[in-house]
């Protein structure tokens, strides 16, 4: 199986990329590649390199975000389950400031979203269990939660149409 990506720029938010990997399927299931430096790193405009990978497992009805920072690129995907992925443009000088883009990502139809710095990242688990993966590219040290920006999940100035009414939230996300 050839490792290939179909990479498209977002029509809504500058700097966001939608990445569809080639998927090999047979009677055992499927296999796909989530990252090749030669294909993904040229999309990163500030010279940052991928240094850090995280996984998050979420129970039914969990919503995480809206979080972001000034320097990290995030390459996100759903490894197990189905989710509503939201990217919010938080760049005050952008023509799409406070606008968002929604993606429905299912582990059975792999898709990755590359999110630039100063864009908020949020997602909602649409099924029973969800495993979310994100790789972070940045220069210098990692910006942890106390240095990140956070917006309320249902901030009226953004107006996200979530697939839920009363999600399970962390204290930070309330």
Protein backbone atom coordinates (compact mmCIF):
# COMPACT_ATOMS: atom_id res chain seq x y z
CA UNK A 1 0.00 0.00 0.00
CA UNK A 2 1.37 3.41 -0.92
CA UNK A 3 1.44 6.01 1.84
CA UNK A 4 -0.32 9.04 0.44
CA UNK A 5 -2.17 12.04 1.79
CA UNK A 6 -4.85 14.13 0.16
CA UNK A 7 -4.11 17.55 1.70
CA UNK A 8 -6.50 20.48 1.27
CA UNK A 9 -6.48 23.99 2.68
CA UNK A 10 -9.56 24.97 4.63
CA UNK A 11 -11.96 27.20 2.71
CA UNK A 12 -12.97 28.86 5.98
CA UNK A 13 -9.89 29.46 8.17
CA UNK A 14 -6.44 30.39 6.87
CA UNK A 15 -3.69 28.02 7.97
CA UNK A 16 -5.99 25.06 8.71
CA UNK A 17 -5.42 21.94 6.61
CA UNK A 18 -7.64 18.89 6.14
CA UNK A 19 -5.57 15.75 5.62
CA UNK A 20 -7.09 12.51 4.35
CA UNK A 21 -4.67 9.59 4.53
CA UNK A 22 -4.72 6.59 2.25
CA UNK A 23 -6.28 3.67 4.12
CA UNK A 24 -5.46 0.02 3.53
CA UNK A 25 -8.38 -2.28 4.35
CA UNK A 26 -8.79 -6.02 4.42
CA UNK A 27 -10.59 -8.68 6.47
CA UNK A 28 -8.51 -7.82 9.56
CA UNK A 29 -9.45 -4.12 9.61
CA UNK A 30 -7.48 -1.13 8.36
CA UNK A 31 -4.09 0.57 8.55
CA UNK A 32 -3.14 4.17 7.83
CA UNK A 33 -0.33 6.64 8.43
CA UNK A 34 -0.97 9.76 10.50
CA UNK A 35 2.28 11.61 9.88
CA UNK A 36 5.13 11.86 7.40
CA UNK A 37 7.50 14.76 8.05
CA UNK A 38 8.09 15.31 4.32
CA UNK A 39 4.36 15.86 3.71
CA UNK A 40 3.16 17.62 6.86
CA UNK A 41 6.05 19.77 8.10
CA UNK A 42 6.19 21.98 4.96
CA UNK A 43 2.68 23.18 5.89
CA UNK A 44 3.99 24.67 9.15
CA UNK A 45 4.95 28.28 8.49
CA UNK A 46 6.86 29.19 11.67
CA UNK A 47 9.59 26.53 11.42
CA UNK A 48 8.29 24.53 14.37
CA UNK A 49 8.93 20.77 14.50
CA UNK A 50 6.76 18.02 15.96
CA UNK A 51 8.03 17.18 19.45
CA UNK A 52 5.13 15.94 21.50
CA UNK A 53 2.26 13.45 21.09
CA UNK A 54 -0.79 13.04 23.33
CA UNK A 55 -3.78 10.74 23.55
CA UNK A 56 -7.02 11.54 25.32
CA UNK A 57 -9.78 9.05 26.10
CA UNK A 58 -13.21 10.58 26.61
CA UNK A 59 -16.39 9.02 27.89
CA UNK A 60 -19.84 9.53 26.37
CA UNK A 61 -21.02 13.18 26.19
CA UNK A 62 -17.60 14.70 27.05
CA UNK A 63 -16.67 18.01 25.46
CA UNK A 64 -13.09 19.35 25.66
CA UNK A 65 -11.92 22.85 24.78
CA UNK A 66 -11.82 25.60 23.47
CA UNK A 67 -8.04 25.82 24.11
CA UNK A 68 -4.99 27.07 22.24
CA UNK A 69 -1.74 29.00 22.50
CA UNK A 70 0.53 31.37 20.64
CA UNK A 71 3.04 28.94 19.12
CA UNK A 72 1.82 25.32 18.88
CA UNK A 73 0.61 23.65 15.73
CA UNK A 74 -1.69 20.69 16.45
CA UNK A 75 -2.23 17.71 14.19
CA UNK A 76 -5.41 16.07 15.52
CA UNK A 77 -7.45 12.99 14.72
CA UNK A 78 -9.88 10.44 16.11
CA UNK A 79 -8.29 7.03 16.72
CA UNK A 80 -11.41 5.36 18.15
CA UNK A 81 -15.01 6.54 18.04
CA UNK A 82 -16.65 9.53 16.40
CA UNK A 83 -16.29 13.20 17.24
CA UNK A 84 -17.25 16.73 16.39
CA UNK A 85 -13.97 18.62 15.94
CA UNK A 86 -14.08 22.41 16.14
CA UNK A 87 -11.36 24.90 15.16
CA UNK A 88 -11.88 28.56 16.14
CA UNK A 89 -9.84 31.42 14.69
CA UNK A 90 -8.64 33.49 17.68
CA UNK A 91 -6.28 35.74 15.69
CA UNK A 92 -7.57 39.26 16.22
CA UNK A 93 -5.97 40.48 12.97
CA UNK A 94 -7.63 37.72 10.90
CA UNK A 95 -10.59 38.28 8.60
CA UNK A 96 -12.17 35.16 10.16
CA UNK A 97 -11.62 36.18 13.82
CA UNK A 98 -14.01 34.26 16.13
CA UNK A 99 -15.32 32.16 13.23
CA UNK A 100 -15.18 28.39 13.52
CA UNK A 101 -15.02 25.34 11.32
CA UNK A 102 -16.58 21.99 12.16
CA UNK A 103 -15.41 18.52 11.15
CA UNK A 104 -17.09 15.20 11.92
CA UNK A 105 -14.30 12.66 12.23
CA UNK A 106 -14.88 8.94 12.54
CA UNK A 107 -12.13 6.40 13.27
CA UNK A 108 -13.49 4.24 10.44
CA UNK A 109 -12.92 7.10 7.96
CA UNK A 110 -9.61 8.59 9.13
CA UNK A 111 -9.03 12.30 8.72
CA UNK A 112 -6.51 14.66 10.34
CA UNK A 113 -6.80 18.39 10.92
CA UNK A 114 -3.71 20.61 11.15
CA UNK A 115 -4.47 23.58 13.41
CA UNK A 116 -2.16 26.64 13.47
CA UNK A 117 -1.17 28.67 16.54
CA UNK A 118 -3.80 31.11 17.87
CA UNK A 119 -6.63 28.87 16.75
CA UNK A 120 -8.77 27.26 19.42
CA UNK A 121 -9.13 23.50 19.49
CA UNK A 122 -12.24 21.78 20.86
CA UNK A 123 -14.02 18.47 20.37
CA UNK A 124 -17.09 16.58 21.49
CA UNK A 125 -17.41 12.80 21.82
CA UNK A 126 -20.44 11.78 19.76
CA UNK A 127 -20.39 8.10 20.80
CA UNK A 128 -19.67 5.89 23.80
CA UNK A 129 -15.88 6.14 23.97
CA UNK A 130 -13.46 8.30 22.04
CA UNK A 131 -9.69 8.17 21.69
CA UNK A 132 -8.28 11.46 20.42
CA UNK A 133 -4.71 11.88 19.26
CA UNK A 134 -2.82 15.08 18.79
CA UNK A 135 0.76 15.81 17.85
CA UNK A 136 2.22 19.19 18.77
CA UNK A 137 4.82 21.13 16.81
CA UNK A 138 6.49 24.13 18.43
CA UNK A 139 9.79 25.86 19.04
CA UNK A 140 11.23 26.14 22.56
CA UNK A 141 9.40 24.73 25.55
CA UNK A 142 5.87 23.39 25.64
CA UNK A 143 3.15 25.84 26.65
CA UNK A 144 1.11 24.00 29.29
CA UNK A 145 -2.49 24.67 30.38
CA UNK A 146 -1.63 27.59 32.69
CA UNK A 147 -0.14 29.49 29.72
CA UNK A 148 -2.83 28.62 27.17
CA UNK A 149 -5.97 30.57 26.32
CA UNK A 150 -9.38 29.09 27.03
CA UNK A 151 -12.83 30.15 25.93
CA UNK A 152 -16.11 28.88 27.30
CA UNK A 153 -17.43 25.99 25.19
CA UNK A 154 -20.67 27.84 24.46
CA UNK A 155 -19.30 31.40 24.15
CA UNK A 156 -22.04 33.39 22.42
CA UNK A 157 -19.55 35.52 20.46
CA UNK A 158 -18.44 32.33 18.66
CA UNK A 159 -21.82 30.58 18.41
CA UNK A 160 -20.72 26.98 17.89
CA UNK A 161 -23.56 24.64 17.00
CA UNK A 162 -22.55 21.72 19.21
CA UNK A 163 -24.08 18.26 18.79
CA UNK A 164 -25.06 18.35 22.49
CA UNK A 165 -26.92 20.47 25.02
CA UNK A 166 -25.44 19.50 28.40
CA UNK A 167 -21.97 17.99 27.92
CA UNK A 168 -19.64 16.75 30.63
CA UNK A 169 -17.01 19.49 31.13
CA UNK A 170 -13.88 20.09 33.17
CA UNK A 171 -13.74 23.06 35.51
CA UNK A 172 -11.52 24.83 32.99
CA UNK A 173 -14.04 24.32 30.18
CA UNK A 174 -17.03 25.62 32.13
